[in-house]
């Protein structure tokens, strides 16, 4: 059964379960009233249990909306977000059905901004579809991911699911994932993201109590030089683990790592530190950073341009619409190689050049 927190009584009054209620009051409410879904008009039941928070539920799972049951985490999160806006003296409505697009917004703020709190995995295409539908109605929308695990405030390896990538927020040149833990009443920010492979990224985690959050929501800051050095160190550890794993790869004569190292005359056990380094935006490339950077070096030696690398599909993209972004990443890497090579192997220039490229990518002045 689909679970909701707002229902209409027989007299037309809306009953909200967004604040804690006395169990005896809830039992009287359940005994003395009949309730109906404010969207479809069908009867709903008031559920009062010991595990989940009190909520209304359709008698039939196909009666209204998606018919998918909500987790306690999702219900708690919606209540917390609704109260967050009420405390700020803003108009906030929960579970508002928008008939023009046949979607129900978790929270509608001032009739113009939608907050979607997503806890369960869904298709990335569903996130994109819902976002496009809100935009078609002139509604500003913000996706917030539900989370329960504790995270330290530091640079670390993060696991970001495919649908969460579609939920990334953008402020200027900086993209980030906004999360909420209803149990601890903490917002989390996953920002300054550098893709490793698959769902693994290196990024900065920062938390903020709900009581200190603003609206519009606070935006994370670019990395300091010291924080970026930590990114490079964490990324290097992941890079070394990948290289070590290739030593035990089967069918080595078809393994791209072995083939590229052989063709370039590189000792795979002593691979230069300039190979497998972090670049913002490199998630548009399918290959592991070690592999695509080896391919760039090979192309550079043979006088092959970045444009030719992409047009020949030597470097595979997640989507052809990412070609311009990928070209920027390849150009940045070539610039990095030239600067570090010119400075010499023991100049300590590598970290400085990488940080300069990062600062330009987020339009940050170095300090």
Protein backbone atom coordinates (compact mmCIF):
# COMPACT_ATOMS: atom_id res chain seq x y z
CA UNK A 1 0.00 0.00 0.00
CA UNK A 2 1.15 3.50 -0.73
CA UNK A 3 1.77 5.47 2.45
CA UNK A 4 0.93 9.17 2.75
CA UNK A 5 1.00 11.75 5.53
CA UNK A 6 -1.96 13.88 4.47
CA UNK A 7 -5.59 12.85 4.16
CA UNK A 8 -8.96 14.54 3.87
CA UNK A 9 -11.61 14.01 6.56
CA UNK A 10 -15.33 13.68 5.73
CA UNK A 11 -15.84 17.39 6.44
CA UNK A 12 -13.14 18.28 3.89
CA UNK A 13 -10.52 19.23 6.47
CA UNK A 14 -6.97 18.16 5.69
CA UNK A 15 -5.40 16.02 8.41
CA UNK A 16 -1.59 16.18 8.59
CA UNK A 17 0.54 13.58 10.37
CA UNK A 18 3.67 15.69 10.16
CA UNK A 19 4.00 16.27 13.90
CA UNK A 20 4.05 13.76 16.78
CA UNK A 21 0.55 13.05 18.12
CA UNK A 22 -0.61 11.40 21.30
CA UNK A 23 -1.48 7.71 20.62
CA UNK A 24 -4.86 8.13 22.33
CA UNK A 25 -5.61 11.14 20.13
CA UNK A 26 -4.74 9.11 17.03
CA UNK A 27 -6.95 6.21 18.12
CA UNK A 28 -9.90 8.58 18.66
CA UNK A 29 -9.23 10.16 15.29
CA UNK A 30 -9.26 6.74 13.67
CA UNK A 31 -12.48 5.66 15.41
CA UNK A 32 -14.46 8.85 14.80
CA UNK A 33 -13.54 9.61 11.19
CA UNK A 34 -13.29 8.29 7.66
CA UNK A 35 -10.39 9.49 5.56
CA UNK A 36 -9.89 9.99 1.84
CA UNK A 37 -6.90 10.57 -0.41
CA UNK A 38 -6.73 14.29 -1.30
CA UNK A 39 -5.56 13.35 -4.81
CA UNK A 40 -7.75 10.50 -6.06
CA UNK A 41 -10.60 10.70 -3.51
CA UNK A 42 -10.56 7.01 -2.59
CA UNK A 43 -10.72 5.84 1.02
CA UNK A 44 -7.48 5.56 2.98
CA UNK A 45 -6.73 3.90 6.32
CA UNK A 46 -5.03 5.49 9.30
CA UNK A 47 -2.21 3.17 10.34
CA UNK A 48 -0.93 3.35 13.91
CA UNK A 49 1.90 0.93 14.58
CA UNK A 50 4.91 0.45 16.82
CA UNK A 51 7.52 0.32 14.08
CA UNK A 52 6.56 2.84 11.42
CA UNK A 53 5.44 6.35 12.18
CA UNK A 54 1.66 6.93 11.89
CA UNK A 55 0.54 7.32 8.28
CA UNK A 56 -2.38 6.90 5.89
CA UNK A 57 -2.46 4.10 3.36
CA UNK A 58 -4.62 3.34 0.35
CA UNK A 59 -6.71 0.19 0.67
CA UNK A 60 -5.60 -0.84 -2.80
CA UNK A 61 -1.99 -0.53 -3.96
CA UNK A 62 -3.25 0.48 -7.41
CA UNK A 63 -5.60 3.14 -6.10
CA UNK A 64 -3.35 6.14 -6.53
CA UNK A 65 0.18 7.19 -7.47
CA UNK A 66 2.91 4.63 -7.93
CA UNK A 67 1.53 2.17 -5.40
CA UNK A 68 5.01 1.71 -3.93
CA UNK A 69 5.30 1.51 -0.13
CA UNK A 70 7.48 4.13 1.52
CA UNK A 71 10.21 3.41 4.01
CA UNK A 72 10.14 4.87 7.49
CA UNK A 73 13.25 6.84 6.48
CA UNK A 74 11.35 8.47 3.61
CA UNK A 75 8.41 9.39 5.80
CA UNK A 76 10.67 10.82 8.51
CA UNK A 77 12.62 12.80 5.93
CA UNK A 78 9.52 14.38 4.41
CA UNK A 79 8.23 15.36 7.83
CA UNK A 80 11.60 16.87 8.75
CA UNK A 81 11.83 18.84 5.50
CA UNK A 82 8.25 20.07 5.80
CA UNK A 83 8.90 21.29 9.36
CA UNK A 84 12.19 22.87 8.23
CA UNK A 85 10.31 25.21 5.89
CA UNK A 86 7.49 25.85 8.37
CA UNK A 87 10.08 26.93 10.96
CA UNK A 88 11.40 29.42 8.43
CA UNK A 89 7.91 30.93 8.09
CA UNK A 90 7.61 29.67 4.51
CA UNK A 91 4.59 28.14 2.83
CA UNK A 92 5.19 24.38 2.61
CA UNK A 93 2.77 21.69 1.46
CA UNK A 94 3.43 17.97 1.62
CA UNK A 95 2.60 15.36 -0.98
CA UNK A 96 0.99 17.81 -3.38
CA UNK A 97 -0.36 16.15 -6.51
CA UNK A 98 0.29 18.10 -9.72
CA UNK A 99 -2.33 16.85 -12.20
CA UNK A 100 -0.73 18.47 -15.28
CA UNK A 101 2.27 16.14 -15.00
CA UNK A 102 0.63 13.40 -12.87
CA UNK A 103 3.34 13.62 -10.20
CA UNK A 104 3.22 14.09 -6.47
CA UNK A 105 5.86 16.40 -5.01
CA UNK A 106 7.25 15.45 -1.60
CA UNK A 107 7.28 19.09 -0.49
CA UNK A 108 6.12 22.15 -2.44
CA UNK A 109 7.60 25.41 -1.15
CA UNK A 110 5.88 28.75 -1.82
CA UNK A 111 4.03 27.08 -4.71
CA UNK A 112 7.14 27.40 -6.88
CA UNK A 113 9.90 25.07 -5.59
CA UNK A 114 9.75 21.29 -5.33
CA UNK A 115 11.84 19.26 -2.88
CA UNK A 116 12.18 15.57 -3.78
CA UNK A 117 13.54 13.31 -1.04
CA UNK A 118 14.69 10.05 -2.63
CA UNK A 119 15.66 7.08 -0.47
CA UNK A 120 15.14 3.98 -2.61
CA UNK A 121 17.00 3.16 -5.84
CA UNK A 122 15.16 4.16 -9.02
CA UNK A 123 16.09 4.35 -12.68
CA UNK A 124 18.17 7.35 -13.67
CA UNK A 125 15.68 7.93 -16.48
CA UNK A 126 12.91 8.33 -13.89
CA UNK A 127 14.86 11.07 -12.10
CA UNK A 128 15.46 12.83 -15.42
CA UNK A 129 11.80 12.43 -16.43
CA UNK A 130 10.48 13.84 -13.16
CA UNK A 131 12.94 16.74 -13.29
CA UNK A 132 11.89 17.59 -16.85
CA UNK A 133 8.23 17.46 -15.85
CA UNK A 134 8.74 19.93 -12.99
CA UNK A 135 10.72 22.22 -15.29
CA UNK A 136 7.89 22.13 -17.84
CA UNK A 137 5.63 23.67 -15.17
CA UNK A 138 8.12 26.40 -14.33
CA UNK A 139 8.91 24.79 -10.99
CA UNK A 140 12.37 24.93 -9.45
CA UNK A 141 13.33 21.49 -8.10
CA UNK A 142 15.93 20.10 -5.72
CA UNK A 143 16.72 16.41 -5.24
CA UNK A 144 17.90 15.25 -1.82
CA UNK A 145 19.16 11.70 -1.24
CA UNK A 146 18.22 9.81 1.92
CA UNK A 147 21.08 8.37 3.95
CA UNK A 148 21.50 6.59 7.30
CA UNK A 149 25.20 5.80 7.60
CA UNK A 150 27.64 8.05 9.41
CA UNK A 151 30.27 9.89 7.36
CA UNK A 152 33.30 11.77 8.65
CA UNK A 153 33.83 15.31 7.44
CA UNK A 154 36.85 14.70 5.23
CA UNK A 155 38.02 13.82 1.72
CA UNK A 156 37.34 10.13 1.08
CA UNK A 157 36.23 7.47 -1.41
CA UNK A 158 32.49 7.74 -2.04
CA UNK A 159 30.02 5.36 -3.65
CA UNK A 160 27.48 7.27 -5.73
CA UNK A 161 24.73 5.25 -7.39
CA UNK A 162 23.80 5.81 -11.02
CA UNK A 163 20.46 7.44 -10.21
CA UNK A 164 22.16 9.72 -7.66
CA UNK A 165 24.38 11.07 -10.43
CA UNK A 166 21.19 12.35 -12.07
CA UNK A 167 20.35 14.07 -8.77
CA UNK A 168 23.57 16.10 -8.66
CA UNK A 169 23.01 19.80 -8.05
CA UNK A 170 24.91 22.47 -9.93
CA UNK A 171 26.03 25.85 -8.68
CA UNK A 172 28.27 27.66 -11.11
CA UNK A 173 31.00 25.20 -12.12
CA UNK A 174 30.62 23.07 -8.99
CA UNK A 175 28.40 19.97 -8.89
CA UNK A 176 27.50 18.15 -5.68
CA UNK A 177 25.09 15.68 -4.11
CA UNK A 178 22.88 16.88 -1.26
CA UNK A 179 21.85 14.21 1.26
CA UNK A 180 19.79 14.13 4.45
CA UNK A 181 19.90 11.79 7.44
CA UNK A 182 16.51 12.19 9.17
CA UNK A 183 17.62 10.17 12.19
CA UNK A 184 20.49 12.49 13.08
CA UNK A 185 18.84 15.55 11.48
CA UNK A 186 21.97 16.27 9.48
CA UNK A 187 22.43 17.41 5.89
CA UNK A 188 25.45 15.97 4.09
CA UNK A 189 27.28 17.32 1.07
CA UNK A 190 29.30 15.15 -1.32
CA UNK A 191 31.22 17.75 -3.31
CA UNK A 192 34.36 18.28 -5.42
CA UNK A 193 33.90 14.90 -7.02
CA UNK A 194 36.64 13.09 -8.96
CA UNK A 195 35.57 9.89 -10.71
CA UNK A 196 37.61 6.70 -10.21
CA UNK A 197 35.51 4.04 -11.93
CA UNK A 198 31.98 2.63 -11.80
CA UNK A 199 30.21 4.17 -8.81
CA UNK A 200 33.46 5.06 -6.99
CA UNK A 201 34.53 8.67 -6.60
CA UNK A 202 36.89 10.70 -4.46
CA UNK A 203 35.16 13.67 -2.90
CA UNK A 204 34.77 15.87 0.14
CA UNK A 205 32.10 15.16 2.75
CA UNK A 206 30.75 17.99 4.89
CA UNK A 207 27.81 17.82 7.30
CA UNK A 208 25.44 20.50 8.53
CA UNK A 209 22.71 20.24 11.19
CA UNK A 210 19.21 20.92 9.87
CA UNK A 211 18.95 23.68 12.47
CA UNK A 212 21.82 25.57 10.77
CA UNK A 213 20.72 25.05 7.19
CA UNK A 214 19.50 28.00 5.14
CA UNK A 215 17.18 28.26 2.17
CA UNK A 216 18.10 28.47 -0.63
CA UNK A 217 20.26 25.64 0.60
CA UNK A 218 23.91 26.36 1.41
CA UNK A 219 26.41 25.58 -1.33
CA UNK A 220 29.76 23.81 -0.75
CA UNK A 221 33.03 25.64 -1.38
CA UNK A 222 35.87 24.66 -3.73
CA UNK A 223 38.83 22.81 -2.26
CA UNK A 224 41.76 24.51 -0.58
CA UNK A 225 45.26 23.56 -1.67
CA UNK A 226 45.65 21.28 1.35
CA UNK A 227 42.32 19.56 0.69
CA UNK A 228 43.27 19.03 -2.94
CA UNK A 229 46.53 17.39 -1.85
CA UNK A 230 44.40 14.96 0.17
CA UNK A 231 42.27 14.26 -2.91
CA UNK A 232 45.45 13.41 -4.84
CA UNK A 233 46.65 11.11 -2.03
CA UNK A 234 43.32 9.23 -1.79
CA UNK A 235 43.09 9.03 -5.59
CA UNK A 236 46.67 7.72 -5.79
CA UNK A 237 45.85 4.93 -3.35
CA UNK A 238 42.89 3.85 -5.51
CA UNK A 239 45.08 4.13 -8.63
CA UNK A 240 47.77 1.89 -7.09
CA UNK A 241 45.16 -0.72 -6.14
CA UNK A 242 43.91 -0.76 -9.73
CA UNK A 243 47.45 -1.21 -11.12
CA UNK A 244 48.18 -4.01 -8.66
CA UNK A 245 44.98 -5.79 -9.69
CA UNK A 246 46.15 -5.75 -13.32
CA UNK A 247 49.17 -7.90 -12.43
CA UNK A 248 46.79 -10.82 -11.91
CA UNK A 249 44.60 -10.15 -14.95
CA UNK A 250 43.80 -13.09 -17.20
CA UNK A 251 44.20 -13.02 -20.96
CA UNK A 252 46.95 -10.42 -20.72
CA UNK A 253 47.41 -10.25 -24.48
CA UNK A 254 44.00 -8.59 -24.71
CA UNK A 255 44.22 -6.59 -21.49
CA UNK A 256 44.42 -2.85 -22.38
CA UNK A 257 46.69 -2.07 -19.41
CA UNK A 258 49.28 -4.70 -20.41
CA UNK A 259 49.08 -3.80 -24.10
CA UNK A 260 49.46 -0.06 -23.53
CA UNK A 261 52.37 -0.46 -21.11
CA UNK A 262 54.13 -2.79 -23.56
CA UNK A 263 53.56 -0.47 -26.52
CA UNK A 264 54.82 2.56 -24.57
CA UNK A 265 57.78 0.68 -23.09
CA UNK A 266 56.65 1.37 -19.53
CA UNK A 267 57.42 -0.77 -16.49
CA UNK A 268 53.96 -1.44 -15.12
CA UNK A 269 55.39 -1.96 -11.63
CA UNK A 270 56.98 1.48 -11.71
CA UNK A 271 54.40 3.44 -13.64
CA UNK A 272 55.07 7.21 -13.61
CA UNK A 273 53.03 9.16 -11.06
CA UNK A 274 51.77 11.34 -13.91
CA UNK A 275 49.53 8.44 -15.05
CA UNK A 276 46.25 7.90 -13.20
CA UNK A 277 45.74 11.38 -11.74
CA UNK A 278 42.42 13.10 -10.89
CA UNK A 279 40.59 15.50 -13.22
CA UNK A 280 37.15 17.02 -12.67
CA UNK A 281 34.66 16.01 -15.35
CA UNK A 282 36.48 12.82 -16.33
CA UNK A 283 33.39 10.74 -15.50
CA UNK A 284 32.26 11.39 -19.08
CA UNK A 285 34.99 8.92 -20.16
CA UNK A 286 34.27 5.20 -19.76
CA UNK A 287 37.87 4.06 -19.31
CA UNK A 288 39.63 3.97 -15.95
CA UNK A 289 41.85 7.09 -15.48
CA UNK A 290 45.00 4.95 -15.83
CA UNK A 291 43.79 3.59 -19.18
CA UNK A 292 42.56 6.78 -20.80
CA UNK A 293 45.68 8.64 -19.69
CA UNK A 294 47.90 5.92 -21.18
CA UNK A 295 45.93 6.30 -24.43
CA UNK A 296 46.51 10.06 -24.41
CA UNK A 297 50.27 9.53 -23.94
CA UNK A 298 50.35 7.07 -26.83
CA UNK A 299 48.44 9.50 -29.05
CA UNK A 300 50.72 12.36 -28.00
CA UNK A 301 53.81 10.36 -29.01
CA UNK A 302 52.29 9.65 -32.42
CA UNK A 303 51.13 13.22 -33.00
CA UNK A 304 47.43 12.29 -32.80
CA UNK A 305 45.14 15.10 -31.66
CA UNK A 306 42.55 14.83 -28.89
CA UNK A 307 39.82 15.43 -31.48
CA UNK A 308 41.01 12.39 -33.47
CA UNK A 309 41.16 10.29 -30.31
CA UNK A 310 37.50 11.00 -29.66
CA UNK A 311 36.26 10.77 -33.26
CA UNK A 312 37.98 7.40 -33.71
CA UNK A 313 36.38 6.11 -30.47
CA UNK A 314 39.79 5.07 -29.12
CA UNK A 315 38.59 6.73 -25.94
CA UNK A 316 35.02 5.68 -25.26
CA UNK A 317 32.46 8.14 -23.92
CA UNK A 318 29.43 7.45 -21.78
CA UNK A 319 27.40 9.54 -24.19
CA UNK A 320 28.33 11.30 -27.42
CA UNK A 321 26.79 14.47 -26.03
CA UNK A 322 29.78 14.52 -23.64
CA UNK A 323 32.29 15.06 -26.46
CA UNK A 324 33.02 18.72 -25.61
CA UNK A 325 33.50 17.93 -21.92
CA UNK A 326 35.78 15.01 -22.77
CA UNK A 327 37.84 17.18 -25.12
CA UNK A 328 38.37 19.64 -22.27
CA UNK A 329 39.56 16.85 -19.95
CA UNK A 330 41.98 15.45 -22.57
CA UNK A 331 43.34 18.93 -23.27
CA UNK A 332 43.83 19.53 -19.54
CA UNK A 333 45.77 16.28 -19.23
CA UNK A 334 48.01 17.13 -22.18
CA UNK A 335 48.69 20.54 -20.64
CA UNK A 336 49.52 18.83 -17.34
CA UNK A 337 52.00 16.47 -19.03
CA UNK A 338 53.78 19.31 -20.84
CA UNK A 339 54.13 21.40 -17.67
CA UNK A 340 55.40 18.54 -15.50
CA UNK A 341 57.76 17.21 -18.18
CA UNK A 342 59.25 20.68 -18.74
CA UNK A 343 59.83 21.12 -15.01
CA UNK A 344 61.62 17.78 -14.61
CA UNK A 345 60.81 14.59 -12.66
CA UNK A 346 61.89 15.82 -9.22
CA UNK A 347 60.56 19.36 -9.37
CA UNK A 348 57.49 18.69 -7.22
CA UNK A 349 55.49 20.47 -9.91
CA UNK A 350 52.82 17.78 -10.37
CA UNK A 351 50.57 18.72 -7.45
CA UNK A 352 50.85 22.43 -8.23
CA UNK A 353 49.88 21.99 -11.90
CA UNK A 354 46.95 19.71 -11.04
CA UNK A 355 45.67 22.22 -8.50
CA UNK A 356 45.97 25.06 -11.02
CA UNK A 357 43.87 23.07 -13.50
CA UNK A 358 41.32 22.30 -10.79
CA UNK A 359 41.09 25.97 -9.75
CA UNK A 360 40.46 27.03 -13.34
CA UNK A 361 37.78 24.35 -13.71
CA UNK A 362 35.85 25.76 -10.74
CA UNK A 363 36.95 29.35 -11.45
CA UNK A 364 38.66 29.61 -8.10
CA UNK A 365 41.51 32.04 -7.38
CA UNK A 366 44.49 30.31 -5.83
CA UNK A 367 45.42 31.24 -2.28
